[in-house]
Amino acid sequence: MSTPQIRSLDSIKQGDGEAATLVATVLRRSPTLAAGLNHLADECLVSEWTVYRWLRGKHEPRTRQLARLRWMVENPEHDE
């Protein structure tokens, strides 16, 4: 399966939920969007498409994944 092709965060309609905000926060800190998607997917043990769906507000992460997203935002020193 290919990875989502995002040119910029401004080019997509972001969801309104907490998960979308957390994902966008981590992606903004990443050197590239592709690297950020990959990092989030690896950390949450999901596909890059799943992270993209969280960002768009199409799906919500499970409790454990949401906790991991919160931790990643609160601990930026552990980003790639």
PDB file of N, CA and C in Angstrom:
ATOM      1  N   MET A   1       0.849  -1.186   0.000  1.00  0.00           N
ATOM      2  CA  MET A   1       0.000   0.000   0.000  1.00  0.00           C
ATOM      3  C   MET A   1       0.887   1.239   0.000  1.00  0.00           C
ATOM      4  N   SER A   2       0.562   2.194  -0.820  1.00  0.00           N
ATOM      5  CA  SER A   2       1.337   3.429  -0.880  1.00  0.00           C
ATOM      6  C   SER A   2       1.034   4.315   0.328  1.00  0.00           C
ATOM      7  N   THR A   3       1.851   5.323   0.502  1.00  0.00           N
ATOM      8  CA  THR A   3       1.650   6.237   1.613  1.00  0.00           C
ATOM      9  C   THR A   3       0.857   7.448   1.148  1.00  0.00           C
ATOM     10  N   PRO A   4       0.144   8.115   2.068  1.00  0.00           N
ATOM     11  CA  PRO A   4      -0.598   9.318   1.688  1.00  0.00           C
ATOM     12  C   PRO A   4       0.357  10.402   1.186  1.00  0.00           C
ATOM     13  N   GLN A   5      -0.021  11.069   0.127  1.00  0.00           N
ATOM     14  CA  GLN A   5       0.790  12.139  -0.444  1.00  0.00           C
ATOM     15  C   GLN A   5       0.217  13.481   0.003  1.00  0.00           C
ATOM     16  N   ILE A   6       0.834  14.090   0.989  1.00  0.00           N
ATOM     17  CA  ILE A   6       0.382  15.374   1.507  1.00  0.00           C
ATOM     18  C   ILE A   6       1.450  16.402   1.161  1.00  0.00           C
ATOM     19  N   ARG A   7       1.055  17.438   0.466  1.00  0.00           N
ATOM     20  CA  ARG A   7       2.016  18.488   0.107  1.00  0.00           C
ATOM     21  C   ARG A   7       2.267  19.423   1.279  1.00  0.00           C
ATOM     22  N   SER A   8       1.218  19.751   2.009  1.00  0.00           N
ATOM     23  CA  SER A   8       1.345  20.584   3.208  1.00  0.00           C
ATOM     24  C   SER A   8       0.123  20.352   4.079  1.00  0.00           C
ATOM     25  N   LEU A   9       0.253  20.641   5.359  1.00  0.00           N
ATOM     26  CA  LEU A   9      -0.889  20.486   6.257  1.00  0.00           C
ATOM     27  C   LEU A   9      -2.016  21.434   5.874  1.00  0.00           C
ATOM     28  N   ASP A  10      -1.666  22.562   5.295  1.00  0.00           N
ATOM     29  CA  ASP A  10      -2.677  23.536   4.890  1.00  0.00           C
ATOM     30  C   ASP A  10      -3.493  23.064   3.691  1.00  0.00           C
ATOM     31  N   SER A  11      -3.000  22.054   2.982  1.00  0.00           N
ATOM     32  CA  SER A  11      -3.679  21.600   1.767  1.00  0.00           C
ATOM     33  C   SER A  11      -4.771  20.568   2.042  1.00  0.00           C
ATOM     34  N   ILE A  12      -4.949  20.158   3.292  1.00  0.00           N
ATOM     35  CA  ILE A  12      -5.981  19.168   3.601  1.00  0.00           C
ATOM     36  C   ILE A  12      -6.960  19.730   4.629  1.00  0.00           C
ATOM     37  N   LYS A  13      -8.138  19.151   4.652  1.00  0.00           N
ATOM     38  CA  LYS A  13      -9.136  19.537   5.647  1.00  0.00           C
ATOM     39  C   LYS A  13      -8.878  18.714   6.898  1.00  0.00           C
ATOM     40  N   GLN A  14      -8.401  19.393   7.938  1.00  0.00           N
ATOM     41  CA  GLN A  14      -8.084  18.725   9.197  1.00  0.00           C
ATOM     42  C   GLN A  14      -9.352  18.518  10.012  1.00  0.00           C
ATOM     43  N   GLY A  15      -9.426  17.398  10.718  1.00  0.00           N
ATOM     44  CA  GLY A  15     -10.558  17.122  11.586  1.00  0.00           C
ATOM     45  C   GLY A  15     -10.586  18.055  12.780  1.00  0.00           C
ATOM     46  N   ASP A  16     -11.699  18.025  13.513  1.00  0.00           N
ATOM     47  CA  ASP A  16     -11.889  18.911  14.658  1.00  0.00           C
ATOM     48  C   ASP A  16     -11.524  18.279  15.993  1.00  0.00           C
ATOM     49  N   GLY A  17     -11.289  16.991  16.018  1.00  0.00           N
ATOM     50  CA  GLY A  17     -11.070  16.290  17.276  1.00  0.00           C
ATOM     51  C   GLY A  17      -9.678  16.450  17.858  1.00  0.00           C
ATOM     52  N   GLU A  18      -9.539  15.957  19.072  1.00  0.00           N
ATOM     53  CA  GLU A  18      -8.242  16.015  19.768  1.00  0.00           C
ATOM     54  C   GLU A  18      -7.157  15.276  19.001  1.00  0.00           C
ATOM     55  N   ALA A  19      -7.488  14.107  18.470  1.00  0.00           N
ATOM     56  CA  ALA A  19      -6.483  13.315  17.760  1.00  0.00           C
ATOM     57  C   ALA A  19      -5.940  14.085  16.557  1.00  0.00           C
ATOM     58  N   ALA A  20      -6.805  14.745  15.811  1.00  0.00           N
ATOM     59  CA  ALA A  20      -6.363  15.519  14.646  1.00  0.00           C
ATOM     60  C   ALA A  20      -5.405  16.625  15.063  1.00  0.00           C
ATOM     61  N   THR A  21      -5.703  17.277  16.154  1.00  0.00           N
ATOM     62  CA  THR A  21      -4.843  18.346  16.653  1.00  0.00           C
ATOM     63  C   THR A  21      -3.493  17.800  17.101  1.00  0.00           C
ATOM     64  N   LEU A  22      -3.500  16.675  17.796  1.00  0.00           N
ATOM     65  CA  LEU A  22      -2.255  16.065  18.258  1.00  0.00           C
ATOM     66  C   LEU A  22      -1.397  15.617  17.078  1.00  0.00           C
ATOM     67  N   VAL A  23      -2.018  14.968  16.095  1.00  0.00           N
ATOM     68  CA  VAL A  23      -1.273  14.518  14.918  1.00  0.00           C
ATOM     69  C   VAL A  23      -0.662  15.717  14.196  1.00  0.00           C
ATOM     70  N   ALA A  24      -1.439  16.771  14.003  1.00  0.00           N
ATOM     71  CA  ALA A  24      -0.935  17.959  13.309  1.00  0.00           C
ATOM     72  C   ALA A  24       0.229  18.582  14.070  1.00  0.00           C
ATOM     73  N   THR A  25       0.162  18.585  15.388  1.00  0.00           N
ATOM     74  CA  THR A  25       1.241  19.146  16.204  1.00  0.00           C
ATOM     75  C   THR A  25       2.542  18.389  15.975  1.00  0.00           C
ATOM     76  N   VAL A  26       2.475  17.067  15.998  1.00  0.00           N
ATOM     77  CA  VAL A  26       3.679  16.260  15.780  1.00  0.00           C
ATOM     78  C   VAL A  26       4.182  16.434  14.347  1.00  0.00           C
ATOM     79  N   LEU A  27       3.283  16.461  13.386  1.00  0.00           N
ATOM     80  CA  LEU A  27       3.697  16.613  11.986  1.00  0.00           C
ATOM     81  C   LEU A  27       4.391  17.948  11.746  1.00  0.00           C
ATOM     82  N   ARG A  28       3.935  18.988  12.391  1.00  0.00           N
ATOM     83  CA  ARG A  28       4.555  20.308  12.213  1.00  0.00           C
ATOM     84  C   ARG A  28       5.994  20.330  12.731  1.00  0.00           C
ATOM     85  N   ARG A  29       6.297  19.472  13.685  1.00  0.00           N
ATOM     86  CA  ARG A  29       7.653  19.424  14.246  1.00  0.00           C
ATOM     87  C   ARG A  29       8.577  18.518  13.443  1.00  0.00           C
ATOM     88  N   SER A  30       8.038  17.753  12.523  1.00  0.00           N
ATOM     89  CA  SER A  30       8.836  16.798  11.755  1.00  0.00           C
ATOM     90  C   SER A  30       9.574  17.497  10.621  1.00  0.00           C
ATOM     91  N   PRO A  31      10.738  16.956  10.244  1.00  0.00           N
ATOM     92  CA  PRO A  31      11.492  17.561   9.139  1.00  0.00           C
ATOM     93  C   PRO A  31      10.713  17.547   7.828  1.00  0.00           C
ATOM     94  N   THR A  32       9.945  16.489   7.579  1.00  0.00           N
ATOM     95  CA  THR A  32       9.073  16.405   6.407  1.00  0.00           C
ATOM     96  C   THR A  32       7.769  15.749   6.842  1.00  0.00           C
ATOM     97  N   LEU A  33       6.721  15.969   6.068  1.00  0.00           N
ATOM     98  CA  LEU A  33       5.442  15.336   6.398  1.00  0.00           C
ATOM     99  C   LEU A  33       5.526  13.821   6.275  1.00  0.00           C
ATOM    100  N   ALA A  34       6.240  13.343   5.273  1.00  0.00           N
ATOM    101  CA  ALA A  34       6.385  11.893   5.088  1.00  0.00           C
ATOM    102  C   ALA A  34       7.085  11.266   6.293  1.00  0.00           C
ATOM    103  N   ALA A  35       8.135  11.911   6.765  1.00  0.00           N
ATOM    104  CA  ALA A  35       8.857  11.401   7.941  1.00  0.00           C
ATOM    105  C   ALA A  35       7.965  11.432   9.171  1.00  0.00           C
ATOM    106  N   GLY A  36       7.182  12.486   9.305  1.00  0.00           N
ATOM    107  CA  GLY A  36       6.278  12.600  10.442  1.00  0.00           C
ATOM    108  C   GLY A  36       5.207  11.530  10.439  1.00  0.00           C
ATOM    109  N   LEU A  37       4.614  11.290   9.265  1.00  0.00           N
ATOM    110  CA  LEU A  37       3.606  10.233   9.163  1.00  0.00           C
ATOM    111  C   LEU A  37       4.204   8.880   9.519  1.00  0.00           C
ATOM    112  N   ASN A  38       5.393   8.622   9.003  1.00  0.00           N
ATOM    113  CA  ASN A  38       6.064   7.351   9.277  1.00  0.00           C
ATOM    114  C   ASN A  38       6.355   7.203  10.766  1.00  0.00           C
ATOM    115  N   HIS A  39       6.859   8.267  11.374  1.00  0.00           N
ATOM    116  CA  HIS A  39       7.189   8.242  12.809  1.00  0.00           C
ATOM    117  C   HIS A  39       5.940   7.997  13.652  1.00  0.00           C
ATOM    118  N   LEU A  40       4.864   8.721  13.370  1.00  0.00           N
ATOM    119  CA  LEU A  40       3.617   8.532  14.113  1.00  0.00           C
ATOM    120  C   LEU A  40       3.078   7.113  13.939  1.00  0.00           C
ATOM    121  N   ALA A  41       3.109   6.615  12.710  1.00  0.00           N
ATOM    122  CA  ALA A  41       2.621   5.263  12.453  1.00  0.00           C
ATOM    123  C   ALA A  41       3.434   4.233  13.232  1.00  0.00           C
ATOM    124  N   ASP A  42       4.755   4.380  13.216  1.00  0.00           N
ATOM    125  CA  ASP A  42       5.613   3.452  13.956  1.00  0.00           C
ATOM    126  C   ASP A  42       5.351   3.515  15.454  1.00  0.00           C
ATOM    127  N   GLU A  43       5.237   4.713  15.991  1.00  0.00           N
ATOM    128  CA  GLU A  43       5.028   4.886  17.433  1.00  0.00           C
ATOM    129  C   GLU A  43       3.680   4.331  17.897  1.00  0.00           C
ATOM    130  N   CYS A  44       2.662   4.463  17.052  1.00  0.00           N
ATOM    131  CA  CYS A  44       1.312   4.026  17.430  1.00  0.00           C
ATOM    132  C   CYS A  44       0.965   2.637  16.902  1.00  0.00           C
ATOM    133  N   LEU A  45       1.917   2.021  16.185  1.00  0.00           N
ATOM    134  CA  LEU A  45       1.737   0.666  15.647  1.00  0.00           C
ATOM    135  C   LEU A  45       0.530   0.569  14.713  1.00  0.00           C
ATOM    136  N   VAL A  46       0.433   1.556  13.815  1.00  0.00           N
ATOM    137  CA  VAL A  46      -0.638   1.580  12.824  1.00  0.00           C
ATOM    138  C   VAL A  46      -0.020   1.947  11.472  1.00  0.00           C
ATOM    139  N   SER A  47      -0.831   1.942  10.428  1.00  0.00           N
ATOM    140  CA  SER A  47      -0.335   2.339   9.111  1.00  0.00           C
ATOM    141  C   SER A  47      -0.324   3.867   8.981  1.00  0.00           C
ATOM    142  N   GLU A  48       0.412   4.338   8.002  1.00  0.00           N
ATOM    143  CA  GLU A  48       0.432   5.780   7.733  1.00  0.00           C
ATOM    144  C   GLU A  48      -0.952   6.263   7.295  1.00  0.00           C
ATOM    145  N   TRP A  49      -1.690   5.403   6.609  1.00  0.00           N
ATOM    146  CA  TRP A  49      -3.049   5.763   6.203  1.00  0.00           C
ATOM    147  C   TRP A  49      -3.940   5.971   7.424  1.00  0.00           C
ATOM    148  N   THR A  50      -3.751   5.179   8.466  1.00  0.00           N
ATOM    149  CA  THR A  50      -4.540   5.346   9.687  1.00  0.00           C
ATOM    150  C   THR A  50      -4.245   6.688  10.326  1.00  0.00           C
ATOM    151  N   VAL A  51      -2.969   7.066  10.387  1.00  0.00           N
ATOM    152  CA  VAL A  51      -2.593   8.375  10.932  1.00  0.00           C
ATOM    153  C   VAL A  51      -3.243   9.480  10.108  1.00  0.00           C
ATOM    154  N   TYR A  52      -3.227   9.324   8.791  1.00  0.00           N
ATOM    155  CA  TYR A  52      -3.851  10.302   7.896  1.00  0.00           C
ATOM    156  C   TYR A  52      -5.351  10.419   8.190  1.00  0.00           C
ATOM    157  N   ARG A  53      -6.017   9.302   8.427  1.00  0.00           N
ATOM    158  CA  ARG A  53      -7.455   9.321   8.752  1.00  0.00           C
ATOM    159  C   ARG A  53      -7.709  10.019  10.084  1.00  0.00           C
ATOM    160  N   TRP A  54      -6.814   9.827  11.055  1.00  0.00           N
ATOM    161  CA  TRP A  54      -6.939  10.556  12.326  1.00  0.00           C
ATOM    162  C   TRP A  54      -6.829  12.058  12.084  1.00  0.00           C
ATOM    163  N   LEU A  55      -5.857  12.439  11.257  1.00  0.00           N
ATOM    164  CA  LEU A  55      -5.638  13.850  10.947  1.00  0.00           C
ATOM    165  C   LEU A  55      -6.871  14.464  10.284  1.00  0.00           C
ATOM    166  N   ARG A  56      -7.501  13.728   9.393  1.00  0.00           N
ATOM    167  CA  ARG A  56      -8.679  14.219   8.686  1.00  0.00           C
ATOM    168  C   ARG A  56      -9.943  14.133   9.542  1.00  0.00           C
ATOM    169  N   GLY A  57      -9.863  13.428  10.683  1.00  0.00           N
ATOM    170  CA  GLY A  57     -11.039  13.268  11.534  1.00  0.00           C
ATOM    171  C   GLY A  57     -11.986  12.187  11.054  1.00  0.00           C
ATOM    172  N   LYS A  58     -11.495  11.312  10.171  1.00  0.00           N
ATOM    173  CA  LYS A  58     -12.323  10.233   9.621  1.00  0.00           C
ATOM    174  C   LYS A  58     -12.406   9.031  10.563  1.00  0.00           C
ATOM    175  N   HIS A  59     -11.395   8.869  11.397  1.00  0.00           N
ATOM    176  CA  HIS A  59     -11.354   7.791  12.392  1.00  0.00           C
ATOM    177  C   HIS A  59     -10.752   8.350  13.667  1.00  0.00           C
ATOM    178  N   GLU A  60     -11.028   7.701  14.770  1.00  0.00           N
ATOM    179  CA  GLU A  60     -10.449   8.085  16.053  1.00  0.00           C
ATOM    180  C   GLU A  60      -9.529   6.967  16.540  1.00  0.00           C
ATOM    181  N   PRO A  61      -8.405   7.332  17.143  1.00  0.00           N
ATOM    182  CA  PRO A  61      -7.508   6.304  17.672  1.00  0.00           C
ATOM    183  C   PRO A  61      -8.108   5.634  18.902  1.00  0.00           C
ATOM    184  N   ARG A  62      -7.611   4.459  19.184  1.00  0.00           N
ATOM    185  CA  ARG A  62      -8.004   3.764  20.416  1.00  0.00           C
ATOM    186  C   ARG A  62      -7.385   4.481  21.601  1.00  0.00           C
ATOM    187  N   THR A  63      -7.859   4.166  22.780  1.00  0.00           N
ATOM    188  CA  THR A  63      -7.414   4.847  24.000  1.00  0.00           C
ATOM    189  C   THR A  63      -5.901   4.815  24.153  1.00  0.00           C
ATOM    190  N   ARG A  64      -5.291   3.659  23.939  1.00  0.00           N
ATOM    191  CA  ARG A  64      -3.841   3.529  24.090  1.00  0.00           C
ATOM    192  C   ARG A  64      -3.097   4.377  23.047  1.00  0.00           C
ATOM    193  N   GLN A  65      -3.614   4.407  21.837  1.00  0.00           N
ATOM    194  CA  GLN A  65      -2.983   5.209  20.783  1.00  0.00           C
ATOM    195  C   GLN A  65      -3.135   6.703  21.066  1.00  0.00           C
ATOM    196  N   LEU A  66      -4.289   7.107  21.570  1.00  0.00           N
ATOM    197  CA  LEU A  66      -4.496   8.513  21.921  1.00  0.00           C
ATOM    198  C   LEU A  66      -3.550   8.918  23.046  1.00  0.00           C
ATOM    199  N   ALA A  67      -3.354   8.042  24.001  1.00  0.00           N
ATOM    200  CA  ALA A  67      -2.404   8.319  25.083  1.00  0.00           C
ATOM    201  C   ALA A  67      -0.990   8.471  24.533  1.00  0.00           C
ATOM    202  N   ARG A  68      -0.630   7.667  23.551  1.00  0.00           N
ATOM    203  CA  ARG A  68       0.698   7.764  22.940  1.00  0.00           C
ATOM    204  C   ARG A  68       0.845   9.087  22.183  1.00  0.00           C
ATOM    205  N   LEU A  69      -0.193   9.501  21.479  1.00  0.00           N
ATOM    206  CA  LEU A  69      -0.154  10.793  20.791  1.00  0.00           C
ATOM    207  C   LEU A  69       0.038  11.937  21.784  1.00  0.00           C
ATOM    208  N   ARG A  70      -0.704  11.890  22.892  1.00  0.00           N
ATOM    209  CA  ARG A  70      -0.551  12.931  23.917  1.00  0.00           C
ATOM    210  C   ARG A  70       0.881  12.951  24.452  1.00  0.00           C
ATOM    211  N   TRP A  71       1.433  11.760  24.709  1.00  0.00           N
ATOM    212  CA  TRP A  71       2.796  11.667  25.232  1.00  0.00           C
ATOM    213  C   TRP A  71       3.784  12.269  24.239  1.00  0.00           C
ATOM    214  N   MET A  72       3.586  11.987  22.956  1.00  0.00           N
ATOM    215  CA  MET A  72       4.495  12.506  21.929  1.00  0.00           C
ATOM    216  C   MET A  72       4.457  14.036  21.878  1.00  0.00           C
ATOM    217  N   VAL A  73       3.288  14.616  22.040  1.00  0.00           N
ATOM    218  CA  VAL A  73       3.168  16.073  22.028  1.00  0.00           C
ATOM    219  C   VAL A  73       3.831  16.663  23.281  1.00  0.00           C
ATOM    220  N   GLU A  74       3.660  16.004  24.411  1.00  0.00           N
ATOM    221  CA  GLU A  74       4.222  16.503  25.685  1.00  0.00           C
ATOM    222  C   GLU A  74       5.723  16.270  25.803  1.00  0.00           C
ATOM    223  N   ASN A  75       6.287  15.393  24.991  1.00  0.00           N
ATOM    224  CA  ASN A  75       7.702  15.043  25.062  1.00  0.00           C
ATOM    225  C   ASN A  75       8.366  15.190  23.700  1.00  0.00           C
ATOM    226  N   PRO A  76       8.486  16.421  23.215  1.00  0.00           N
ATOM    227  CA  PRO A  76       9.031  16.621  21.868  1.00  0.00           C
ATOM    228  C   PRO A  76      10.494  16.207  21.718  1.00  0.00           C
ATOM    229  N   GLU A  77      11.199  16.046  22.808  1.00  0.00           N
ATOM    230  CA  GLU A  77      12.603  15.641  22.719  1.00  0.00           C
ATOM    231  C   GLU A  77      12.749  14.220  22.167  1.00  0.00           C
ATOM    232  N   HIS A  78      11.643  13.465  22.114  1.00  0.00           N
ATOM    233  CA  HIS A  78      11.691  12.096  21.597  1.00  0.00           C
ATOM    234  C   HIS A  78      11.283  12.004  20.137  1.00  0.00           C
ATOM    235  N   ASP A  79      11.048  13.140  19.489  1.00  0.00           N
ATOM    236  CA  ASP A  79      10.738  13.137  18.060  1.00  0.00           C
ATOM    237  C   ASP A  79      11.987  12.742  17.285  1.00  0.00           C
ATOM    238  N   GLU A  80      11.783  12.355  16.044  1.00  0.00           N
ATOM    239  CA  GLU A  80      12.902  11.986  15.160  1.00  0.00           C
ATOM    240  C   GLU A  80      13.890  13.114  15.053  1.00  0.00           C
TER     241      GLU A  80
END
